[in-house]
């Protein structure tokens, strides 16, 4: 099991940027593929981005391609999500998640992930 703590969310004007961080502890971070999901008010949780254990493979939801970037620093046990050109529809609580798998695949389904953080809210007012 790995413990995850997200940070970096907040209120940002449309067109602005944020960098979300997710710090991991408890198990060897490099054993895990990582993902970001989000849940907007009155909507289901949805996949945003995922990255393999090495950082060599990444995957994005079509809605965020070219706008969001996932990365990781295994030396710091941290995964990041850079959000740019933000819009009101990006308002949500953003969660990071971990799945044990030391290979170059990525996981896009929420139920494939075993460990979750508490989430960090991102608000982009209209």
C-alpha atoms as a PDB file:
ATOM      1  CA  UNK A   1       0.000   0.000   0.000  1.00  0.00           C
ATOM      2  CA  UNK A   2       1.158   3.526  -0.726  1.00  0.00           C
ATOM      3  CA  UNK A   3      -0.080   6.714   0.887  1.00  0.00           C
ATOM      4  CA  UNK A   4      -0.771   9.647  -1.410  1.00  0.00           C
ATOM      5  CA  UNK A   5      -1.144  13.342  -0.597  1.00  0.00           C
ATOM      6  CA  UNK A   6      -2.123  15.830  -3.287  1.00  0.00           C
ATOM      7  CA  UNK A   7      -1.420  19.550  -3.199  1.00  0.00           C
ATOM      8  CA  UNK A   8      -1.364  22.534  -5.492  1.00  0.00           C
ATOM      9  CA  UNK A   9      -5.039  23.035  -6.173  1.00  0.00           C
ATOM     10  CA  UNK A  10      -6.777  26.361  -5.782  1.00  0.00           C
ATOM     11  CA  UNK A  11      -8.708  29.134  -7.430  1.00  0.00           C
ATOM     12  CA  UNK A  12      -7.365  30.238 -10.789  1.00  0.00           C
ATOM     13  CA  UNK A  13      -8.777  32.495 -13.459  1.00  0.00           C
ATOM     14  CA  UNK A  14      -9.653  31.146 -16.881  1.00  0.00           C
ATOM     15  CA  UNK A  15      -6.567  30.865 -19.021  1.00  0.00           C
ATOM     16  CA  UNK A  16      -4.334  30.377 -16.013  1.00  0.00           C
ATOM     17  CA  UNK A  17      -2.158  27.454 -14.977  1.00  0.00           C
ATOM     18  CA  UNK A  18      -1.623  25.239 -11.965  1.00  0.00           C
ATOM     19  CA  UNK A  19       0.749  22.444 -11.094  1.00  0.00           C
ATOM     20  CA  UNK A  20      -0.670  19.703  -8.940  1.00  0.00           C
ATOM     21  CA  UNK A  21       1.649  17.492  -6.938  1.00  0.00           C
ATOM     22  CA  UNK A  22       1.088  14.102  -5.397  1.00  0.00           C
ATOM     23  CA  UNK A  23       3.590  12.916  -2.812  1.00  0.00           C
ATOM     24  CA  UNK A  24       3.797   9.185  -2.141  1.00  0.00           C
ATOM     25  CA  UNK A  25       5.040   7.297   0.874  1.00  0.00           C
ATOM     26  CA  UNK A  26       4.943   3.799   2.266  1.00  0.00           C
ATOM     27  CA  UNK A  27       6.150   1.559  -0.540  1.00  0.00           C
ATOM     28  CA  UNK A  28       8.698   1.851  -3.315  1.00  0.00           C
ATOM     29  CA  UNK A  29       7.248   4.564  -5.513  1.00  0.00           C
ATOM     30  CA  UNK A  30       8.942   3.298  -8.648  1.00  0.00           C
ATOM     31  CA  UNK A  31       6.930   0.068  -8.421  1.00  0.00           C
ATOM     32  CA  UNK A  32       3.754   1.984  -9.217  1.00  0.00           C
ATOM     33  CA  UNK A  33       2.017   3.303 -12.243  1.00  0.00           C
ATOM     34  CA  UNK A  34       0.298   6.566 -11.380  1.00  0.00           C
ATOM     35  CA  UNK A  35      -2.829   8.288 -12.546  1.00  0.00           C
ATOM     36  CA  UNK A  36      -4.820  11.467 -12.124  1.00  0.00           C
ATOM     37  CA  UNK A  37      -8.597  11.511 -12.063  1.00  0.00           C
ATOM     38  CA  UNK A  38     -11.088  14.260 -11.404  1.00  0.00           C
ATOM     39  CA  UNK A  39     -14.632  14.565 -10.181  1.00  0.00           C
ATOM     40  CA  UNK A  40     -16.723  17.606 -10.909  1.00  0.00           C
ATOM     41  CA  UNK A  41     -19.863  18.459  -8.920  1.00  0.00           C
ATOM     42  CA  UNK A  42     -22.713  16.090  -9.740  1.00  0.00           C
ATOM     43  CA  UNK A  43     -20.538  14.104 -12.137  1.00  0.00           C
ATOM     44  CA  UNK A  44     -18.768  10.795 -12.000  1.00  0.00           C
ATOM     45  CA  UNK A  45     -15.044  10.453 -11.484  1.00  0.00           C
ATOM     46  CA  UNK A  46     -13.201  10.522 -14.785  1.00  0.00           C
ATOM     47  CA  UNK A  47      -9.748   9.676 -16.024  1.00  0.00           C
ATOM     48  CA  UNK A  48      -7.404  12.568 -16.751  1.00  0.00           C
ATOM     49  CA  UNK A  49      -3.882  11.215 -17.248  1.00  0.00           C
ATOM     50  CA  UNK A  50      -1.635   8.289 -16.383  1.00  0.00           C
ATOM     51  CA  UNK A  51       2.075   7.560 -16.404  1.00  0.00           C
ATOM     52  CA  UNK A  52       4.094   4.359 -16.226  1.00  0.00           C
ATOM     53  CA  UNK A  53       6.513   3.556 -13.412  1.00  0.00           C
ATOM     54  CA  UNK A  54       9.512   4.878 -15.340  1.00  0.00           C
ATOM     55  CA  UNK A  55       7.775   7.902 -16.791  1.00  0.00           C
ATOM     56  CA  UNK A  56       8.449   6.534 -20.250  1.00  0.00           C
ATOM     57  CA  UNK A  57       4.805   6.114 -21.167  1.00  0.00           C
ATOM     58  CA  UNK A  58       1.944   8.519 -20.583  1.00  0.00           C
ATOM     59  CA  UNK A  59      -1.687   8.582 -21.559  1.00  0.00           C
ATOM     60  CA  UNK A  60      -4.299  11.339 -21.557  1.00  0.00           C
ATOM     61  CA  UNK A  61      -8.016  11.758 -21.820  1.00  0.00           C
ATOM     62  CA  UNK A  62      -8.876  13.305 -25.168  1.00  0.00           C
ATOM     63  CA  UNK A  63     -10.352  16.326 -23.416  1.00  0.00           C
ATOM     64  CA  UNK A  64      -7.014  17.319 -21.876  1.00  0.00           C
ATOM     65  CA  UNK A  65      -4.507  16.379 -24.575  1.00  0.00           C
ATOM     66  CA  UNK A  66      -2.235  19.291 -25.354  1.00  0.00           C
ATOM     67  CA  UNK A  67      -3.413  21.148 -22.283  1.00  0.00           C
ATOM     68  CA  UNK A  68      -2.373  18.977 -19.308  1.00  0.00           C
ATOM     69  CA  UNK A  69       0.956  17.219 -18.762  1.00  0.00           C
ATOM     70  CA  UNK A  70       1.697  14.386 -16.357  1.00  0.00           C
ATOM     71  CA  UNK A  71       5.213  13.746 -15.112  1.00  0.00           C
ATOM     72  CA  UNK A  72       6.955  12.062 -12.208  1.00  0.00           C
ATOM     73  CA  UNK A  73      10.154  12.284 -10.223  1.00  0.00           C
ATOM     74  CA  UNK A  74      10.926   8.914  -8.678  1.00  0.00           C
ATOM     75  CA  UNK A  75      13.768  10.376  -6.641  1.00  0.00           C
ATOM     76  CA  UNK A  76      11.228  12.643  -4.934  1.00  0.00           C
ATOM     77  CA  UNK A  77       8.410  10.076  -4.830  1.00  0.00           C
ATOM     78  CA  UNK A  78       6.167  12.603  -6.535  1.00  0.00           C
ATOM     79  CA  UNK A  79       3.905  12.722  -9.556  1.00  0.00           C
ATOM     80  CA  UNK A  80       2.798  16.015 -11.084  1.00  0.00           C
ATOM     81  CA  UNK A  81      -0.007  17.261 -13.259  1.00  0.00           C
ATOM     82  CA  UNK A  82       0.601  20.542 -15.058  1.00  0.00           C
ATOM     83  CA  UNK A  83      -2.657  22.233 -16.002  1.00  0.00           C
ATOM     84  CA  UNK A  84      -2.588  25.031 -18.559  1.00  0.00           C
ATOM     85  CA  UNK A  85      -5.152  27.168 -20.372  1.00  0.00           C
ATOM     86  CA  UNK A  86      -7.684  26.344 -17.711  1.00  0.00           C
ATOM     87  CA  UNK A  87     -11.398  26.695 -18.325  1.00  0.00           C
ATOM     88  CA  UNK A  88     -14.422  26.665 -16.021  1.00  0.00           C
ATOM     89  CA  UNK A  89     -15.194  23.116 -17.148  1.00  0.00           C
ATOM     90  CA  UNK A  90     -11.921  22.013 -15.569  1.00  0.00           C
ATOM     91  CA  UNK A  91     -13.347  22.779 -12.136  1.00  0.00           C
ATOM     92  CA  UNK A  92     -13.224  19.573 -10.112  1.00  0.00           C
ATOM     93  CA  UNK A  93     -11.520  17.771  -7.295  1.00  0.00           C
ATOM     94  CA  UNK A  94      -8.385  16.166  -8.711  1.00  0.00           C
ATOM     95  CA  UNK A  95      -7.220  12.856  -7.279  1.00  0.00           C
ATOM     96  CA  UNK A  96      -4.015  10.954  -7.780  1.00  0.00           C
ATOM     97  CA  UNK A  97      -3.974   7.186  -7.630  1.00  0.00           C
ATOM     98  CA  UNK A  98      -1.440   4.360  -7.662  1.00  0.00           C
ATOM     99  CA  UNK A  99      -1.448   0.874  -9.143  1.00  0.00           C
ATOM    100  CA  UNK A 100       1.334  -1.625  -8.583  1.00  0.00           C
ATOM    101  CA  UNK A 101       2.958  -2.434 -11.897  1.00  0.00           C
ATOM    102  CA  UNK A 102       6.576  -2.108 -12.942  1.00  0.00           C
ATOM    103  CA  UNK A 103       6.000  -2.130 -16.668  1.00  0.00           C
ATOM    104  CA  UNK A 104       5.415   0.436 -19.361  1.00  0.00           C
ATOM    105  CA  UNK A 105       1.663   0.231 -19.483  1.00  0.00           C
ATOM    106  CA  UNK A 106      -0.720   2.863 -18.145  1.00  0.00           C
ATOM    107  CA  UNK A 107      -4.087   2.357 -16.500  1.00  0.00           C
ATOM    108  CA  UNK A 108      -7.141   4.460 -17.342  1.00  0.00           C
ATOM    109  CA  UNK A 109      -9.965   2.861 -15.323  1.00  0.00           C
ATOM    110  CA  UNK A 110     -10.489   4.046 -11.765  1.00  0.00           C
ATOM    111  CA  UNK A 111     -11.155   0.561 -10.398  1.00  0.00           C
ATOM    112  CA  UNK A 112      -7.732  -0.609 -11.556  1.00  0.00           C
ATOM    113  CA  UNK A 113      -6.119   1.646  -8.958  1.00  0.00           C
ATOM    114  CA  UNK A 114      -5.682   0.410  -5.409  1.00  0.00           C
ATOM    115  CA  UNK A 115      -4.537   3.525  -3.573  1.00  0.00           C
ATOM    116  CA  UNK A 116      -5.970   7.042  -3.675  1.00  0.00           C
ATOM    117  CA  UNK A 117      -5.214  10.440  -2.255  1.00  0.00           C
ATOM    118  CA  UNK A 118      -7.757  12.704  -0.627  1.00  0.00           C
ATOM    119  CA  UNK A 119      -7.982  15.040  -3.608  1.00  0.00           C
ATOM    120  CA  UNK A 120      -7.164  18.676  -4.217  1.00  0.00           C
ATOM    121  CA  UNK A 121      -9.798  21.091  -5.532  1.00  0.00           C
ATOM    122  CA  UNK A 122      -9.330  23.171  -8.643  1.00  0.00           C
ATOM    123  CA  UNK A 123     -11.775  26.006  -9.250  1.00  0.00           C
ATOM    124  CA  UNK A 124     -11.913  28.034 -12.426  1.00  0.00           C
ATOM    125  CA  UNK A 125     -14.708  30.589 -12.146  1.00  0.00           C
ATOM    126  CA  UNK A 126     -16.769  31.439 -15.182  1.00  0.00           C
END
